Amino acid sequence: MMGGYYMGGISLFWMLIVGALIVIPFWRLLPKFGIPNWVAVFTLFPLVALVLLWVLAFKDDLDGKGGGA
């Protein structure tokens, strides 16, 4: 039996790295779409990340500023 933070072939270290690779881009992108950046923490859940990607893809404008084409 293995002790420590070793879980099914994925160590805690690698889980933190993957989590950071998911959260940091959302943290930077969300404010540009008028969404608070703290929402990025919830993207650790795959379904939330997928929903946010759809929201960002179909949002009409950045920062809520109208105008343009």
PDB file of N, CA and C in Angstrom:
ATOM      1  N   MET A   1       0.843  -1.180   0.000  1.00  0.00           N
ATOM      2  CA  MET A   1       0.000   0.000   0.000  1.00  0.00           C
ATOM      3  C   MET A   1       0.885   1.239   0.000  1.00  0.00           C
ATOM      4  N   MET A   2       0.554   2.158  -0.874  1.00  0.00           N
ATOM      5  CA  MET A   2       1.363   3.362  -0.990  1.00  0.00           C
ATOM      6  C   MET A   2       0.773   4.460  -0.114  1.00  0.00           C
ATOM      7  N   GLY A   3       1.619   5.176   0.568  1.00  0.00           N
ATOM      8  CA  GLY A   3       1.160   6.265   1.409  1.00  0.00           C
ATOM      9  C   GLY A   3       1.419   7.603   0.748  1.00  0.00           C
ATOM     10  N   GLY A   4       1.131   8.649   1.431  1.00  0.00           N
ATOM     11  CA  GLY A   4       1.400   9.989   0.923  1.00  0.00           C
ATOM     12  C   GLY A   4       0.302  10.497   0.008  1.00  0.00           C
ATOM     13  N   TYR A   5       0.700  11.355  -0.893  1.00  0.00           N
ATOM     14  CA  TYR A   5      -0.254  12.005  -1.780  1.00  0.00           C
ATOM     15  C   TYR A   5      -0.283  11.358  -3.159  1.00  0.00           C
ATOM     16  N   TYR A   6       0.073  10.123  -3.256  1.00  0.00           N
ATOM     17  CA  TYR A   6       0.102   9.418  -4.535  1.00  0.00           C
ATOM     18  C   TYR A   6      -1.258   8.781  -4.754  1.00  0.00           C
ATOM     19  N   MET A   7      -1.969   9.217  -5.798  1.00  0.00           N
ATOM     20  CA  MET A   7      -3.327   8.745  -6.018  1.00  0.00           C
ATOM     21  C   MET A   7      -3.480   8.200  -7.431  1.00  0.00           C
ATOM     22  N   GLY A   8      -3.532   6.931  -7.599  1.00  0.00           N
ATOM     23  CA  GLY A   8      -3.832   6.325  -8.871  1.00  0.00           C
ATOM     24  C   GLY A   8      -2.921   6.720 -10.007  1.00  0.00           C
ATOM     25  N   GLY A   9      -1.662   6.927  -9.767  1.00  0.00           N
ATOM     26  CA  GLY A   9      -0.738   7.269 -10.828  1.00  0.00           C
ATOM     27  C   GLY A   9      -0.573   8.761 -11.044  1.00  0.00           C
ATOM     28  N   ILE A  10      -1.387   9.573 -10.379  1.00  0.00           N
ATOM     29  CA  ILE A  10      -1.274  11.027 -10.534  1.00  0.00           C
ATOM     30  C   ILE A  10      -0.910  11.617  -9.181  1.00  0.00           C
ATOM     31  N   SER A  11       0.245  12.241  -9.112  1.00  0.00           N
ATOM     32  CA  SER A  11       0.652  12.816  -7.832  1.00  0.00           C
ATOM     33  C   SER A  11       0.003  14.179  -7.633  1.00  0.00           C
ATOM     34  N   LEU A  12       0.004  14.634  -6.418  1.00  0.00           N
ATOM     35  CA  LEU A  12      -0.569  15.931  -6.082  1.00  0.00           C
ATOM     36  C   LEU A  12       0.133  17.044  -6.850  1.00  0.00           C
ATOM     37  N   PHE A  13       1.424  16.896  -7.042  1.00  0.00           N
ATOM     38  CA  PHE A  13       2.198  17.898  -7.783  1.00  0.00           C
ATOM     39  C   PHE A  13       1.662  18.074  -9.200  1.00  0.00           C
ATOM     40  N   TRP A  14       1.445  16.972  -9.896  1.00  0.00           N
ATOM     41  CA  TRP A  14       0.951  17.053 -11.277  1.00  0.00           C
ATOM     42  C   TRP A  14      -0.485  17.562 -11.329  1.00  0.00           C
ATOM     43  N   MET A  15      -1.272  17.242 -10.321  1.00  0.00           N
ATOM     44  CA  MET A  15      -2.641  17.757 -10.279  1.00  0.00           C
ATOM     45  C   MET A  15      -2.627  19.277 -10.114  1.00  0.00           C
ATOM     46  N   LEU A  16      -1.708  19.798  -9.314  1.00  0.00           N
ATOM     47  CA  LEU A  16      -1.587  21.249  -9.143  1.00  0.00           C
ATOM     48  C   LEU A  16      -1.120  21.921 -10.432  1.00  0.00           C
ATOM     49  N   ILE A  17      -0.189  21.283 -11.138  1.00  0.00           N
ATOM     50  CA  ILE A  17       0.301  21.838 -12.405  1.00  0.00           C
ATOM     51  C   ILE A  17      -0.836  21.908 -13.422  1.00  0.00           C
ATOM     52  N   VAL A  18      -1.581  20.832 -13.567  1.00  0.00           N
ATOM     53  CA  VAL A  18      -2.698  20.805 -14.520  1.00  0.00           C
ATOM     54  C   VAL A  18      -3.770  21.817 -14.108  1.00  0.00           C
ATOM     55  N   GLY A  19      -4.044  21.907 -12.825  1.00  0.00           N
ATOM     56  CA  GLY A  19      -5.011  22.886 -12.349  1.00  0.00           C
ATOM     57  C   GLY A  19      -4.595  24.309 -12.679  1.00  0.00           C
ATOM     58  N   ALA A  20      -3.314  24.613 -12.497  1.00  0.00           N
ATOM     59  CA  ALA A  20      -2.817  25.950 -12.831  1.00  0.00           C
ATOM     60  C   ALA A  20      -2.904  26.207 -14.334  1.00  0.00           C
ATOM     61  N   LEU A  21      -2.621  25.194 -15.131  1.00  0.00           N
ATOM     62  CA  LEU A  21      -2.701  25.350 -16.589  1.00  0.00           C
ATOM     63  C   LEU A  21      -4.129  25.596 -17.058  1.00  0.00           C
ATOM     64  N   ILE A  22      -5.097  25.200 -16.278  1.00  0.00           N
ATOM     65  CA  ILE A  22      -6.497  25.444 -16.620  1.00  0.00           C
ATOM     66  C   ILE A  22      -6.961  26.795 -16.078  1.00  0.00           C
ATOM     67  N   VAL A  23      -6.652  27.092 -14.839  1.00  0.00           N
ATOM     68  CA  VAL A  23      -7.200  28.276 -14.176  1.00  0.00           C
ATOM     69  C   VAL A  23      -6.559  29.569 -14.677  1.00  0.00           C
ATOM     70  N   ILE A  24      -5.258  29.602 -14.868  1.00  0.00           N
ATOM     71  CA  ILE A  24      -4.570  30.851 -15.210  1.00  0.00           C
ATOM     72  C   ILE A  24      -5.077  31.476 -16.511  1.00  0.00           C
ATOM     73  N   PRO A  25      -5.244  30.722 -17.603  1.00  0.00           N
ATOM     74  CA  PRO A  25      -5.786  31.371 -18.812  1.00  0.00           C
ATOM     75  C   PRO A  25      -7.201  31.931 -18.618  1.00  0.00           C
ATOM     76  N   PHE A  26      -8.055  31.188 -17.911  1.00  0.00           N
ATOM     77  CA  PHE A  26      -9.392  31.695 -17.635  1.00  0.00           C
ATOM     78  C   PHE A  26      -9.325  32.943 -16.759  1.00  0.00           C
ATOM     79  N   TRP A  27      -8.417  32.960 -15.789  1.00  0.00           N
ATOM     80  CA  TRP A  27      -8.253  34.093 -14.877  1.00  0.00           C
ATOM     81  C   TRP A  27      -7.923  35.358 -15.665  1.00  0.00           C
ATOM     82  N   ARG A  28      -7.132  35.198 -16.726  1.00  0.00           N
ATOM     83  CA  ARG A  28      -6.751  36.347 -17.551  1.00  0.00           C
ATOM     84  C   ARG A  28      -7.846  36.745 -18.544  1.00  0.00           C
ATOM     85  N   LEU A  29      -8.592  35.775 -19.061  1.00  0.00           N
ATOM     86  CA  LEU A  29      -9.594  36.041 -20.090  1.00  0.00           C
ATOM     87  C   LEU A  29     -10.919  36.576 -19.553  1.00  0.00           C
ATOM     88  N   LEU A  30     -11.376  36.059 -18.452  1.00  0.00           N
ATOM     89  CA  LEU A  30     -12.719  36.386 -17.968  1.00  0.00           C
ATOM     90  C   LEU A  30     -12.967  37.879 -17.757  1.00  0.00           C
ATOM     91  N   PRO A  31     -12.042  38.650 -17.167  1.00  0.00           N
ATOM     92  CA  PRO A  31     -12.309  40.090 -17.012  1.00  0.00           C
ATOM     93  C   PRO A  31     -12.500  40.810 -18.348  1.00  0.00           C
ATOM     94  N   LYS A  32     -11.890  40.336 -19.400  1.00  0.00           N
ATOM     95  CA  LYS A  32     -12.054  40.969 -20.709  1.00  0.00           C
ATOM     96  C   LYS A  32     -13.461  40.789 -21.252  1.00  0.00           C
ATOM     97  N   PHE A  33     -14.180  39.807 -20.721  1.00  0.00           N
ATOM     98  CA  PHE A  33     -15.553  39.555 -21.132  1.00  0.00           C
ATOM     99  C   PHE A  33     -16.554  40.037 -20.096  1.00  0.00           C
ATOM    100  N   GLY A  34     -16.090  40.797 -19.103  1.00  0.00           N
ATOM    101  CA  GLY A  34     -16.978  41.345 -18.092  1.00  0.00           C
ATOM    102  C   GLY A  34     -17.387  40.358 -17.011  1.00  0.00           C
ATOM    103  N   ILE A  35     -16.643  39.267 -16.865  1.00  0.00           N
ATOM    104  CA  ILE A  35     -16.929  38.258 -15.849  1.00  0.00           C
ATOM    105  C   ILE A  35     -15.829  38.350 -14.790  1.00  0.00           C
ATOM    106  N   PRO A  36     -16.174  38.348 -13.502  1.00  0.00           N
ATOM    107  CA  PRO A  36     -15.141  38.452 -12.458  1.00  0.00           C
ATOM    108  C   PRO A  36     -14.121  37.318 -12.573  1.00  0.00           C
ATOM    109  N   ASN A  37     -12.853  37.649 -12.347  1.00  0.00           N
ATOM    110  CA  ASN A  37     -11.808  36.639 -12.537  1.00  0.00           C
ATOM    111  C   ASN A  37     -11.834  35.528 -11.490  1.00  0.00           C
ATOM    112  N   TRP A  38     -12.475  35.733 -10.345  1.00  0.00           N
ATOM    113  CA  TRP A  38     -12.533  34.669  -9.332  1.00  0.00           C
ATOM    114  C   TRP A  38     -13.362  33.478  -9.808  1.00  0.00           C
ATOM    115  N   VAL A  39     -14.184  33.678 -10.826  1.00  0.00           N
ATOM    116  CA  VAL A  39     -14.984  32.586 -11.388  1.00  0.00           C
ATOM    117  C   VAL A  39     -14.070  31.525 -11.996  1.00  0.00           C
ATOM    118  N   ALA A  40     -12.854  31.906 -12.359  1.00  0.00           N
ATOM    119  CA  ALA A  40     -11.904  30.979 -12.971  1.00  0.00           C
ATOM    120  C   ALA A  40     -11.594  29.794 -12.060  1.00  0.00           C
ATOM    121  N   VAL A  41     -11.712  29.964 -10.764  1.00  0.00           N
ATOM    122  CA  VAL A  41     -11.423  28.872  -9.832  1.00  0.00           C
ATOM    123  C   VAL A  41     -12.365  27.691 -10.084  1.00  0.00           C
ATOM    124  N   PHE A  42     -13.592  27.984 -10.501  1.00  0.00           N
ATOM    125  CA  PHE A  42     -14.569  26.924 -10.739  1.00  0.00           C
ATOM    126  C   PHE A  42     -14.291  26.136 -12.016  1.00  0.00           C
ATOM    127  N   THR A  43     -13.367  26.611 -12.834  1.00  0.00           N
ATOM    128  CA  THR A  43     -13.045  25.880 -14.066  1.00  0.00           C
ATOM    129  C   THR A  43     -12.261  24.608 -13.787  1.00  0.00           C
ATOM    130  N   LEU A  44     -11.930  24.367 -12.541  1.00  0.00           N
ATOM    131  CA  LEU A  44     -11.305  23.088 -12.180  1.00  0.00           C
ATOM    132  C   LEU A  44     -12.296  21.940 -12.388  1.00  0.00           C
ATOM    133  N   PHE A  45     -13.578  22.282 -12.420  1.00  0.00           N
ATOM    134  CA  PHE A  45     -14.610  21.294 -12.734  1.00  0.00           C
ATOM    135  C   PHE A  45     -14.846  21.334 -14.241  1.00  0.00           C
ATOM    136  N   PRO A  46     -14.661  20.227 -14.925  1.00  0.00           N
ATOM    137  CA  PRO A  46     -14.717  20.231 -16.395  1.00  0.00           C
ATOM    138  C   PRO A  46     -16.014  20.784 -16.982  1.00  0.00           C
ATOM    139  N   LEU A  47     -17.142  20.497 -16.372  1.00  0.00           N
ATOM    140  CA  LEU A  47     -18.405  20.986 -16.915  1.00  0.00           C
ATOM    141  C   LEU A  47     -18.487  22.510 -16.843  1.00  0.00           C
ATOM    142  N   VAL A  48     -17.985  23.086 -15.767  1.00  0.00           N
ATOM    143  CA  VAL A  48     -17.977  24.545 -15.623  1.00  0.00           C
ATOM    144  C   VAL A  48     -17.066  25.168 -16.677  1.00  0.00           C
ATOM    145  N   ALA A  49     -15.907  24.558 -16.912  1.00  0.00           N
ATOM    146  CA  ALA A  49     -14.988  25.073 -17.934  1.00  0.00           C
ATOM    147  C   ALA A  49     -15.640  25.034 -19.308  1.00  0.00           C
ATOM    148  N   LEU A  50     -16.352  23.969 -19.600  1.00  0.00           N
ATOM    149  CA  LEU A  50     -17.024  23.847 -20.887  1.00  0.00           C
ATOM    150  C   LEU A  50     -18.121  24.905 -21.045  1.00  0.00           C
ATOM    151  N   VAL A  51     -18.903  25.124 -20.004  1.00  0.00           N
ATOM    152  CA  VAL A  51     -19.950  26.138 -20.056  1.00  0.00           C
ATOM    153  C   VAL A  51     -19.340  27.527 -20.237  1.00  0.00           C
ATOM    154  N   LEU A  52     -18.261  27.817 -19.517  1.00  0.00           N
ATOM    155  CA  LEU A  52     -17.617  29.124 -19.657  1.00  0.00           C
ATOM    156  C   LEU A  52     -17.037  29.319 -21.053  1.00  0.00           C
ATOM    157  N   LEU A  53     -16.496  28.262 -21.642  1.00  0.00           N
ATOM    158  CA  LEU A  53     -15.998  28.369 -23.012  1.00  0.00           C
ATOM    159  C   LEU A  53     -17.130  28.735 -23.969  1.00  0.00           C
ATOM    160  N   TRP A  54     -18.294  28.134 -23.766  1.00  0.00           N
ATOM    161  CA  TRP A  54     -19.449  28.464 -24.607  1.00  0.00           C
ATOM    162  C   TRP A  54     -19.885  29.907 -24.385  1.00  0.00           C
ATOM    163  N   VAL A  55     -19.893  30.357 -23.128  1.00  0.00           N
ATOM    164  CA  VAL A  55     -20.279  31.737 -22.828  1.00  0.00           C
ATOM    165  C   VAL A  55     -19.320  32.709 -23.504  1.00  0.00           C
ATOM    166  N   LEU A  56     -18.024  32.430 -23.414  1.00  0.00           N
ATOM    167  CA  LEU A  56     -17.036  33.318 -24.026  1.00  0.00           C
ATOM    168  C   LEU A  56     -17.135  33.296 -25.547  1.00  0.00           C
ATOM    169  N   ALA A  57     -17.401  32.146 -26.114  1.00  0.00           N
ATOM    170  CA  ALA A  57     -17.465  32.022 -27.571  1.00  0.00           C
ATOM    171  C   ALA A  57     -18.639  32.789 -28.162  1.00  0.00           C
ATOM    172  N   PHE A  58     -19.748  32.843 -27.444  1.00  0.00           N
ATOM    173  CA  PHE A  58     -20.945  33.460 -27.997  1.00  0.00           C
ATOM    174  C   PHE A  58     -21.264  34.826 -27.388  1.00  0.00           C
ATOM    175  N   LYS A  59     -20.343  35.362 -26.596  1.00  0.00           N
ATOM    176  CA  LYS A  59     -20.537  36.706 -26.049  1.00  0.00           C
ATOM    177  C   LYS A  59     -20.352  37.714 -27.179  1.00  0.00           C
ATOM    178  N   ASP A  60     -21.241  38.682 -27.250  1.00  0.00           N
ATOM    179  CA  ASP A  60     -21.243  39.620 -28.370  1.00  0.00           C
ATOM    180  C   ASP A  60     -20.062  40.589 -28.384  1.00  0.00           C
ATOM    181  N   ASP A  61     -19.725  41.155 -27.241  1.00  0.00           N
ATOM    182  CA  ASP A  61     -18.654  42.151 -27.241  1.00  0.00           C
ATOM    183  C   ASP A  61     -17.783  41.997 -25.995  1.00  0.00           C
ATOM    184  N   LEU A  62     -16.596  42.574 -26.069  1.00  0.00           N
ATOM    185  CA  LEU A  62     -15.644  42.540 -24.958  1.00  0.00           C
ATOM    186  C   LEU A  62     -15.895  43.722 -24.035  1.00  0.00           C
ATOM    187  N   ASP A  63     -15.758  43.520 -22.744  1.00  0.00           N
ATOM    188  CA  ASP A  63     -15.899  44.571 -21.725  1.00  0.00           C
ATOM    189  C   ASP A  63     -17.264  45.256 -21.726  1.00  0.00           C
ATOM    190  N   GLY A  64     -18.236  44.715 -22.428  1.00  0.00           N
ATOM    191  CA  GLY A  64     -19.558  45.310 -22.470  1.00  0.00           C
ATOM    192  C   GLY A  64     -19.624  46.606 -23.257  1.00  0.00           C
ATOM    193  N   LYS A  65     -18.554  46.925 -23.981  1.00  0.00           N
ATOM    194  CA  LYS A  65     -18.536  48.170 -24.773  1.00  0.00           C
ATOM    195  C   LYS A  65     -19.200  47.894 -26.115  1.00  0.00           C
ATOM    196  N   GLY A  66     -20.220  48.629 -26.396  1.00  0.00           N
ATOM    197  CA  GLY A  66     -20.937  48.455 -27.649  1.00  0.00           C
ATOM    198  C   GLY A  66     -20.191  49.076 -28.818  1.00  0.00           C
ATOM    199  N   GLY A  67     -20.905  49.287 -29.898  1.00  0.00           N
ATOM    200  CA  GLY A  67     -20.293  49.906 -31.065  1.00  0.00           C
ATOM    201  C   GLY A  67     -19.656  48.872 -31.965  1.00  0.00           C
ATOM    202  N   GLY A  68     -18.808  49.303 -32.821  1.00  0.00           N
ATOM    203  CA  GLY A  68     -18.132  48.377 -33.723  1.00  0.00           C
ATOM    204  C   GLY A  68     -19.045  47.959 -34.864  1.00  0.00           C
ATOM    205  N   ALA A  69     -18.687  46.871 -35.509  1.00  0.00           N
ATOM    206  CA  ALA A  69     -19.462  46.413 -36.671  1.00  0.00           C
ATOM    207  C   ALA A  69     -20.724  45.817 -36.166  1.00  0.00           C
TER     208      ALA A  69
END
